C-alpha atoms as a PDB file:
ATOM      1  CA  MET A   1      36.759 -15.802  21.282  1.00  0.00           C
ATOM      2  CA  ASN A   2      34.596 -16.238  24.151  1.00  0.00           C
ATOM      3  CA  PRO A   3      33.804 -12.723  25.833  1.00  0.00           C
ATOM      4  CA  ILE A   4      34.733 -14.118  29.115  1.00  0.00           C
ATOM      5  CA  ILE A   5      38.350 -14.313  28.160  1.00  0.00           C
ATOM      6  CA  ASP A   6      39.023 -10.692  27.394  1.00  0.00           C
ATOM      7  CA  LEU A   7      42.805  -9.605  27.752  1.00  0.00           C
ATOM      8  CA  SER A   8      41.955  -6.193  26.026  1.00  0.00           C
ATOM      9  CA  GLY A   9      44.315  -3.604  27.495  1.00  0.00           C
ATOM     10  CA  LYS A  10      46.492  -6.167  29.162  1.00  0.00           C
ATOM     11  CA  ARG A  11      50.362  -6.415  28.666  1.00  0.00           C
ATOM     12  CA  GLY A  12      51.975  -9.946  28.810  1.00  0.00           C
ATOM     13  CA  LEU A  13      55.400 -11.585  28.717  1.00  0.00           C
ATOM     14  CA  VAL A  14      55.799 -14.727  26.965  1.00  0.00           C
ATOM     15  CA  VAL A  15      59.092 -16.420  27.707  1.00  0.00           C
ATOM     16  CA  GLY A  16      59.913 -19.848  26.389  1.00  0.00           C
ATOM     17  CA  ILE A  17      58.832 -19.562  22.430  1.00  0.00           C
ATOM     18  CA  ALA A  18      61.404 -21.510  20.237  1.00  0.00           C
ATOM     19  CA  ASN A  19      59.322 -22.043  17.057  1.00  0.00           C
ATOM     20  CA  GLU A  20      55.794 -22.016  15.592  1.00  0.00           C
ATOM     21  CA  HIS A  21      55.102 -25.550  17.312  1.00  0.00           C
ATOM     22  CA  SER A  22      56.179 -24.340  20.935  1.00  0.00           C
ATOM     23  CA  ILE A  23      53.540 -24.674  23.916  1.00  0.00           C
ATOM     24  CA  ALA A  24      54.514 -20.816  24.413  1.00  0.00           C
ATOM     25  CA  THR A  25      53.563 -20.193  20.849  1.00  0.00           C
ATOM     26  CA  GLY A  26      50.051 -21.688  21.380  1.00  0.00           C
ATOM     27  CA  CYS A  27      49.426 -19.709  24.322  1.00  0.00           C
ATOM     28  CA  ALA A  28      50.720 -16.344  22.926  1.00  0.00           C
ATOM     29  CA  ARG A  29      48.529 -16.998  20.011  1.00  0.00           C
ATOM     30  CA  LEU A  30      45.586 -17.018  22.284  1.00  0.00           C
ATOM     31  CA  PHE A  31      46.616 -14.140  24.590  1.00  0.00           C
ATOM     32  CA  ARG A  32      46.972 -12.077  21.517  1.00  0.00           C
ATOM     33  CA  ALA A  33      43.591 -13.238  20.016  1.00  0.00           C
ATOM     34  CA  ALA A  34      41.855 -12.196  23.357  1.00  0.00           C
ATOM     35  CA  GLY A  35      43.221  -8.602  22.810  1.00  0.00           C
ATOM     36  CA  ALA A  36      46.457  -8.844  24.880  1.00  0.00           C
ATOM     37  CA  GLU A  37      49.668  -6.929  24.037  1.00  0.00           C
ATOM     38  CA  LEU A  38      52.849  -9.149  24.272  1.00  0.00           C
ATOM     39  CA  ALA A  39      56.211  -9.086  24.655  1.00  0.00           C
ATOM     40  CA  VAL A  40      58.266 -12.226  23.654  1.00  0.00           C
ATOM     41  CA  THR A  41      61.895 -13.570  23.959  1.00  0.00           C
ATOM     42  CA  TYR A  42      64.144 -15.766  22.335  1.00  0.00           C
ATOM     43  CA  LEU A  43      66.862 -17.900  23.358  1.00  0.00           C
ATOM     44  CA  ASN A  44      70.001 -16.309  21.249  1.00  0.00           C
ATOM     45  CA  ASP A  45      70.920 -15.389  17.729  1.00  0.00           C
ATOM     46  CA  LYS A  46      70.742 -19.232  16.708  1.00  0.00           C
ATOM     47  CA  ALA A  47      66.918 -19.424  17.764  1.00  0.00           C
ATOM     48  CA  LYS A  48      65.955 -15.699  16.587  1.00  0.00           C
ATOM     49  CA  PRO A  49      65.142 -16.555  12.876  1.00  0.00           C
ATOM     50  CA  PHE A  50      62.426 -19.435  14.589  1.00  0.00           C
ATOM     51  CA  VAL A  51      60.836 -16.794  16.907  1.00  0.00           C
ATOM     52  CA  ALA A  52      61.120 -13.648  14.643  1.00  0.00           C
ATOM     53  CA  PRO A  53      58.318 -14.889  12.326  1.00  0.00           C
ATOM     54  CA  VAL A  54      55.995 -15.945  15.478  1.00  0.00           C
ATOM     55  CA  ALA A  55      56.792 -12.572  17.178  1.00  0.00           C
ATOM     56  CA  GLU A  56      55.637 -10.650  13.982  1.00  0.00           C
ATOM     57  CA  ALA A  57      52.363 -12.569  13.456  1.00  0.00           C
ATOM     58  CA  LEU A  58      51.925 -11.509  17.146  1.00  0.00           C
ATOM     59  CA  GLU A  59      52.581  -7.781  16.632  1.00  0.00           C
ATOM     60  CA  SER A  60      55.049  -7.816  19.399  1.00  0.00           C
ATOM     61  CA  SER A  61      56.490  -4.487  19.993  1.00  0.00           C
ATOM     62  CA  ILE A  62      59.136  -6.091  22.249  1.00  0.00           C
ATOM     63  CA  VAL A  63      61.207  -8.908  21.299  1.00  0.00           C
ATOM     64  CA  LEU A  64      64.441  -9.454  23.138  1.00  0.00           C
ATOM     65  CA  PRO A  65      66.956 -12.168  23.847  1.00  0.00           C
ATOM     66  CA  CYS A  66      66.727 -13.872  27.114  1.00  0.00           C
ATOM     67  CA  ASP A  67      68.853 -16.844  28.237  1.00  0.00           C
ATOM     68  CA  VAL A  68      68.369 -17.001  31.905  1.00  0.00           C
ATOM     69  CA  THR A  69      71.831 -18.644  32.436  1.00  0.00           C
ATOM     70  CA  VAL A  70      73.634 -15.355  30.937  1.00  0.00           C
ATOM     71  CA  ALA A  71      74.011 -12.696  33.868  1.00  0.00           C
ATOM     72  CA  GLY A  72      71.587  -9.630  33.233  1.00  0.00           C
ATOM     73  CA  GLN A  73      69.678 -10.690  29.977  1.00  0.00           C
ATOM     74  CA  LEU A  74      66.469 -11.598  32.274  1.00  0.00           C
ATOM     75  CA  GLU A  75      66.738  -8.313  34.002  1.00  0.00           C
ATOM     76  CA  ALA A  76      67.325  -6.429  30.734  1.00  0.00           C
ATOM     77  CA  VAL A  77      63.703  -7.925  29.447  1.00  0.00           C
ATOM     78  CA  PHE A  78      61.952  -6.429  32.433  1.00  0.00           C
ATOM     79  CA  GLU A  79      63.814  -3.068  32.158  1.00  0.00           C
ATOM     80  CA  GLN A  80      63.068  -2.988  28.688  1.00  0.00           C
ATOM     81  CA  ILE A  81      59.375  -3.577  29.652  1.00  0.00           C
ATOM     82  CA  ALA A  82      59.439  -1.036  32.567  1.00  0.00           C
ATOM     83  CA  LYS A  83      60.725   1.755  29.969  1.00  0.00           C
ATOM     84  CA  ASP A  84      58.193   0.931  27.333  1.00  0.00           C
ATOM     85  CA  TRP A  85      55.269  -0.131  29.184  1.00  0.00           C
ATOM     86  CA  GLY A  86      55.647   0.863  32.806  1.00  0.00           C
ATOM     87  CA  GLN A  87      53.435  -2.174  33.714  1.00  0.00           C
ATOM     88  CA  LEU A  88      52.670  -5.654  33.230  1.00  0.00           C
ATOM     89  CA  ASP A  89      49.510  -7.825  33.725  1.00  0.00           C
ATOM     90  CA  PHE A  90      50.911 -11.398  33.398  1.00  0.00           C
ATOM     91  CA  VAL A  91      53.784 -13.584  32.438  1.00  0.00           C
ATOM     92  CA  LEU A  92      54.298 -17.141  30.834  1.00  0.00           C
ATOM     93  CA  HIS A  93      57.153 -18.843  31.769  1.00  0.00           C
ATOM     94  CA  SER A  94      57.477 -22.005  29.683  1.00  0.00           C
ATOM     95  CA  ILE A  95      61.305 -22.897  29.455  1.00  0.00           C
ATOM     96  CA  ALA A  96      63.206 -25.779  30.648  1.00  0.00           C
ATOM     97  CA  PHE A  97      66.507 -27.165  30.369  1.00  0.00           C
ATOM     98  CA  ALA A  98      68.804 -29.979  31.420  1.00  0.00           C
ATOM     99  CA  PRO A  99      72.304 -31.076  30.063  1.00  0.00           C
ATOM    100  CA  ALA A 100      72.171 -34.347  27.921  1.00  0.00           C
ATOM    101  CA  ASP A 101      74.258 -36.283  30.555  1.00  0.00           C
ATOM    102  CA  ALA A 102      71.617 -35.497  33.772  1.00  0.00           C
ATOM    103  CA  LEU A 103      68.455 -35.713  31.281  1.00  0.00           C
ATOM    104  CA  HIS A 104      69.706 -39.197  30.133  1.00  0.00           C
ATOM    105  CA  ALA A 105      70.770 -40.541  33.156  1.00  0.00           C
ATOM    106  CA  LYS A 106      68.673 -42.182  35.804  1.00  0.00           C
ATOM    107  CA  LEU A 107      68.112 -39.860  38.528  1.00  0.00           C
ATOM    108  CA  ILE A 108      70.364 -41.821  40.815  1.00  0.00           C
ATOM    109  CA  ASP A 109      73.346 -41.272  38.283  1.00  0.00           C
ATOM    110  CA  CYS A 110      72.337 -37.678  37.614  1.00  0.00           C
ATOM    111  CA  PRO A 111      75.307 -35.474  38.373  1.00  0.00           C
ATOM    112  CA  ALA A 112      75.189 -32.487  40.942  1.00  0.00           C
ATOM    113  CA  GLU A 113      76.190 -29.977  38.197  1.00  0.00           C
ATOM    114  CA  GLY A 114      73.657 -31.103  35.956  1.00  0.00           C
ATOM    115  CA  PHE A 115      70.665 -31.296  38.620  1.00  0.00           C
ATOM    116  CA  ALA A 116      71.628 -27.649  39.774  1.00  0.00           C
ATOM    117  CA  LEU A 117      71.718 -26.346  36.118  1.00  0.00           C
ATOM    118  CA  ALA A 118      68.118 -28.067  35.180  1.00  0.00           C
ATOM    119  CA  MET A 119      66.759 -26.723  38.565  1.00  0.00           C
ATOM    120  CA  ALA A 120      67.999 -22.964  37.789  1.00  0.00           C
ATOM    121  CA  VAL A 121      66.638 -22.959  34.373  1.00  0.00           C
ATOM    122  CA  SER A 122      63.609 -24.678  34.873  1.00  0.00           C
ATOM    123  CA  CYS A 123      62.437 -23.880  38.414  1.00  0.00           C
ATOM    124  CA  HIS A 124      64.343 -20.883  39.935  1.00  0.00           C
ATOM    125  CA  SER A 125      64.218 -18.794  37.083  1.00  0.00           C
ATOM    126  CA  PHE A 126      60.291 -18.708  37.583  1.00  0.00           C
ATOM    127  CA  ILE A 127      60.968 -17.372  41.026  1.00  0.00           C
ATOM    128  CA  ARG A 128      63.319 -14.465  39.637  1.00  0.00           C
ATOM    129  CA  MET A 129      60.953 -13.634  37.001  1.00  0.00           C
ATOM    130  CA  ALA A 130      57.846 -13.303  39.597  1.00  0.00           C
ATOM    131  CA  LYS A 131      60.420 -10.833  41.615  1.00  0.00           C
ATOM    132  CA  LEU A 132      61.260  -8.905  38.723  1.00  0.00           C
ATOM    133  CA  ALA A 133      57.384  -8.758  37.681  1.00  0.00           C
ATOM    134  CA  LEU A 134      56.453  -7.727  41.203  1.00  0.00           C
ATOM    135  CA  PRO A 135      56.980  -3.647  40.756  1.00  0.00           C
ATOM    136  CA  LEU A 136      55.296  -3.618  37.423  1.00  0.00           C
ATOM    137  CA  MET A 137      52.084  -5.645  38.509  1.00  0.00           C
ATOM    138  CA  THR A 138      50.758  -2.564  40.505  1.00  0.00           C
ATOM    139  CA  ASN A 139      47.111  -3.486  39.872  1.00  0.00           C
ATOM    140  CA  GLY A 140      47.582  -7.247  40.416  1.00  0.00           C
ATOM    141  CA  GLY A 141      48.219  -9.618  37.660  1.00  0.00           C
ATOM    142  CA  SER A 142      49.063 -13.562  36.788  1.00  0.00           C
ATOM    143  CA  LEU A 143      52.089 -15.718  36.928  1.00  0.00           C
ATOM    144  CA  MET A 144      51.837 -18.860  35.125  1.00  0.00           C
ATOM    145  CA  THR A 145      54.646 -21.570  34.553  1.00  0.00           C
ATOM    146  CA  VAL A 146      54.328 -24.961  32.223  1.00  0.00           C
ATOM    147  CA  SER A 147      54.886 -28.503  33.998  1.00  0.00           C
ATOM    148  CA  PHE A 148      53.957 -32.017  33.382  1.00  0.00           C
ATOM    149  CA  TYR A 149      52.661 -34.866  34.762  1.00  0.00           C
ATOM    150  CA  GLY A 150      56.080 -36.212  35.307  1.00  0.00           C
ATOM    151  CA  ALA A 151      56.150 -34.026  38.451  1.00  0.00           C
ATOM    152  CA  GLU A 152      53.893 -36.273  40.602  1.00  0.00           C
ATOM    153  CA  ARG A 153      54.280 -39.563  39.059  1.00  0.00           C
ATOM    154  CA  ALA A 154      57.545 -41.452  37.708  1.00  0.00           C
ATOM    155  CA  VAL A 155      57.256 -41.271  33.939  1.00  0.00           C
ATOM    156  CA  ASP A 156      59.938 -43.454  32.079  1.00  0.00           C
ATOM    157  CA  HIS A 157      62.748 -41.332  30.659  1.00  0.00           C
ATOM    158  CA  TYR A 158      61.566 -38.292  32.194  1.00  0.00           C
ATOM    159  CA  ASN A 159      64.417 -38.407  34.872  1.00  0.00           C
ATOM    160  CA  VAL A 160      65.953 -35.626  36.508  1.00  0.00           C
ATOM    161  CA  MET A 161      62.826 -33.339  35.220  1.00  0.00           C
ATOM    162  CA  GLY A 162      60.774 -35.004  37.366  1.00  0.00           C
ATOM    163  CA  PRO A 163      62.103 -33.763  40.361  1.00  0.00           C
ATOM    164  CA  VAL A 164      62.599 -30.206  38.694  1.00  0.00           C
ATOM    165  CA  LYS A 165      59.048 -29.939  37.703  1.00  0.00           C
ATOM    166  CA  ALA A 166      57.916 -31.243  41.296  1.00  0.00           C
ATOM    167  CA  ALA A 167      60.083 -28.018  42.801  1.00  0.00           C
ATOM    168  CA  LEU A 168      58.360 -26.078  40.196  1.00  0.00           C
ATOM    169  CA  GLU A 169      54.758 -26.750  41.336  1.00  0.00           C
ATOM    170  CA  SER A 170      55.628 -26.396  44.929  1.00  0.00           C
ATOM    171  CA  SER A 171      57.032 -22.941  44.203  1.00  0.00           C
ATOM    172  CA  VAL A 172      53.675 -21.924  42.462  1.00  0.00           C
ATOM    173  CA  ARG A 173      51.994 -22.892  45.915  1.00  0.00           C
ATOM    174  CA  TYR A 174      54.576 -20.651  48.038  1.00  0.00           C
ATOM    175  CA  LEU A 175      54.487 -17.977  45.526  1.00  0.00           C
ATOM    176  CA  ALA A 176      50.906 -17.636  45.481  1.00  0.00           C
ATOM    177  CA  ALA A 177      50.720 -17.383  49.325  1.00  0.00           C
ATOM    178  CA  ASP A 178      53.574 -14.886  49.215  1.00  0.00           C
ATOM    179  CA  LEU A 179      51.761 -12.709  46.334  1.00  0.00           C
ATOM    180  CA  ALA A 180      48.331 -13.253  47.229  1.00  0.00           C
ATOM    181  CA  ALA A 181      47.826  -9.840  49.193  1.00  0.00           C
ATOM    182  CA  ARG A 182      49.068  -7.922  45.957  1.00  0.00           C
ATOM    183  CA  ARG A 183      46.349  -9.516  43.968  1.00  0.00           C
ATOM    184  CA  ILE A 184      48.944 -11.852  42.019  1.00  0.00           C
ATOM    185  CA  HIS A 185      47.862 -15.007  41.322  1.00  0.00           C
ATOM    186  CA  VAL A 186      50.120 -17.885  40.337  1.00  0.00           C
ATOM    187  CA  HIS A 187      49.545 -21.046  38.530  1.00  0.00           C
ATOM    188  CA  ALA A 188      51.303 -24.210  37.090  1.00  0.00           C
ATOM    189  CA  ILE A 189      49.645 -25.630  33.754  1.00  0.00           C
ATOM    190  CA  SER A 190      50.415 -29.196  33.617  1.00  0.00           C
ATOM    191  CA  ALA A 191      50.258 -29.543  29.898  1.00  0.00           C
ATOM    192  CA  GLY A 192      49.549 -32.777  27.942  1.00  0.00           C
ATOM    193  CA  ALA A 193      52.757 -34.341  26.123  1.00  0.00           C
ATOM    194  CA  VAL A 194      53.199 -32.260  22.848  1.00  0.00           C
ATOM    195  CA  LYS A 195      55.801 -32.947  20.292  1.00  0.00           C
ATOM    196  CA  THR A 196      57.971 -29.784  20.682  1.00  0.00           C
ATOM    197  CA  ARG A 197      61.606 -28.915  20.050  1.00  0.00           C
ATOM    198  CA  ALA A 198      62.345 -29.129  23.821  1.00  0.00           C
ATOM    199  CA  ALA A 199      60.448 -32.225  24.421  1.00  0.00           C
ATOM    200  CA  SER A 200      62.519 -33.891  21.436  1.00  0.00           C
ATOM    201  CA  GLY A 201      65.429 -34.286  24.003  1.00  0.00           C
ATOM    202  CA  ILE A 202      63.715 -36.838  26.021  1.00  0.00           C
ATOM    203  CA  GLU A 203      64.563 -40.458  25.238  1.00  0.00           C
ATOM    204  CA  HIS A 204      61.959 -42.440  23.343  1.00  0.00           C
ATOM    205  CA  PHE A 205      59.797 -39.478  23.220  1.00  0.00           C
ATOM    206  CA  ASP A 206      57.634 -40.815  20.401  1.00  0.00           C
ATOM    207  CA  ALA A 207      57.025 -43.917  22.636  1.00  0.00           C
ATOM    208  CA  LEU A 208      56.009 -41.494  25.410  1.00  0.00           C
ATOM    209  CA  LEU A 209      53.408 -39.853  23.265  1.00  0.00           C
ATOM    210  CA  ASP A 210      51.765 -43.017  22.047  1.00  0.00           C
ATOM    211  CA  ASP A 211      51.548 -44.053  25.575  1.00  0.00           C
ATOM    212  CA  VAL A 212      49.987 -40.880  26.699  1.00  0.00           C
ATOM    213  CA  ARG A 213      47.464 -40.935  23.785  1.00  0.00           C
ATOM    214  CA  ALA A 214      46.503 -44.831  24.713  1.00  0.00           C
ATOM    215  CA  HIS A 215      45.679 -43.528  28.448  1.00  0.00           C
ATOM    216  CA  THR A 216      43.696 -40.397  27.657  1.00  0.00           C
ATOM    217  CA  PRO A 217      40.216 -41.028  27.788  1.00  0.00           C
ATOM    218  CA  ALA A 218      39.488 -39.760  24.509  1.00  0.00           C
ATOM    219  CA  GLN A 219      42.726 -40.940  22.972  1.00  0.00           C
ATOM    220  CA  HIS A 220      43.756 -37.181  21.939  1.00  0.00           C
ATOM    221  CA  LEU A 221      46.586 -35.543  22.429  1.00  0.00           C
ATOM    222  CA  VAL A 222      46.174 -32.169  23.307  1.00  0.00           C
ATOM    223  CA  THR A 223      47.394 -29.214  20.872  1.00  0.00           C
ATOM    224  CA  ILE A 224      49.181 -25.966  21.596  1.00  0.00           C
ATOM    225  CA  GLU A 225      45.999 -24.055  21.160  1.00  0.00           C
ATOM    226  CA  GLU A 226      44.362 -26.088  23.292  1.00  0.00           C
ATOM    227  CA  ILE A 227      46.715 -25.562  26.387  1.00  0.00           C
ATOM    228  CA  GLY A 228      46.883 -21.844  25.050  1.00  0.00           C
ATOM    229  CA  ARG A 229      42.865 -21.562  25.598  1.00  0.00           C
ATOM    230  CA  ILE A 230      43.660 -22.431  29.436  1.00  0.00           C
ATOM    231  CA  ALA A 231      46.491 -19.843  29.838  1.00  0.00           C
ATOM    232  CA  ALA A 232      44.255 -17.283  28.416  1.00  0.00           C
ATOM    233  CA  VAL A 233      41.717 -17.802  31.097  1.00  0.00           C
ATOM    234  CA  LEU A 234      44.214 -17.859  33.721  1.00  0.00           C
ATOM    235  CA  ALA A 235      45.621 -14.553  32.558  1.00  0.00           C
ATOM    236  CA  SER A 236      42.125 -13.169  32.178  1.00  0.00           C
ATOM    237  CA  ASP A 237      40.015 -11.531  35.141  1.00  0.00           C
ATOM    238  CA  ALA A 238      37.986 -14.651  34.969  1.00  0.00           C
ATOM    239  CA  GLY A 239      41.036 -16.437  36.519  1.00  0.00           C
ATOM    240  CA  MET A 240      41.588 -14.202  39.291  1.00  0.00           C
ATOM    241  CA  THR A 241      39.473 -16.636  41.984  1.00  0.00           C
ATOM    242  CA  LEU A 242      42.354 -19.300  41.308  1.00  0.00           C
ATOM    243  CA  THR A 243      45.584 -19.257  42.672  1.00  0.00           C
ATOM    244  CA  GLY A 244      48.372 -21.637  43.657  1.00  0.00           C
ATOM    245  CA  SER A 245      46.815 -24.726  41.755  1.00  0.00           C
ATOM    246  CA  THR A 246      48.214 -27.126  39.285  1.00  0.00           C
ATOM    247  CA  ILE A 247      45.906 -26.994  36.172  1.00  0.00           C
ATOM    248  CA  TYR A 248      45.748 -29.773  33.914  1.00  0.00           C
ATOM    249  CA  ALA A 249      45.502 -29.270  30.097  1.00  0.00           C
ATOM    250  CA  ASP A 250      46.012 -32.588  29.032  1.00  0.00           C
ATOM    251  CA  ALA A 251      42.765 -33.875  27.664  1.00  0.00           C
ATOM    252  CA  GLY A 252      42.100 -36.042  31.335  1.00  0.00           C
ATOM    253  CA  PHE A 253      45.514 -38.105  30.998  1.00  0.00           C
ATOM    254  CA  HIS A 254      46.128 -37.515  34.666  1.00  0.00           C
ATOM    255  CA  ILE A 255      42.776 -39.184  35.759  1.00  0.00           C
ATOM    256  CA  THR A 256      43.410 -42.448  34.374  1.00  0.00           C
ATOM    257  CA  ALA A 257      45.233 -45.497  36.147  1.00  0.00           C
END
């Protein structure tokens, strides 16, 4: 680990691990390798067996359920962190969801209920986490969320998630302005296409992966660990001069026409 990425003595919350292949897992591994102590969450009892081995490998002392659509679960996570640690240095938000009828429909046909749920889970939950983290970040901190290029360009089959991720990136800018005086910096990591459980819900995702690979300068798809290196920098003191930006961890895909 490069000495500039030093998270020794820092404590972070990682929300969004579904299994060992999740982007959140890649980030968590790099946080841990840099010396951070981690709290992690799992969606529900069905997901727990897939998350538990990851949490064990990370030596996480706090492992809790967190479905942001269930009243009180997100708040319970932060209450446990406050009780056990009394502080928090960084948060990684890596969750997104849209109902199938919304995700698979063209935007013009997206039902209002599905749009609202996608926005609540994928965007507003990050704002909720920021508010809950604020009392615990007494010495400043880092808030990070995961986005995708579909936030700024129309990507085939990304549908409702495009506007939702655009709202998420805009929220990063406004949160960065709101929290600057508290020395809390806020980032969106625009990750390259990665074959994860969540991404598998997008129609024709394999074709999207092929297209991304073909339009990436070195024809290289990023790995979850490569994305994690970027997240580790943003969580460290080295990232304190950056805030409010969308940071591309996509091997240059966004620069091509």
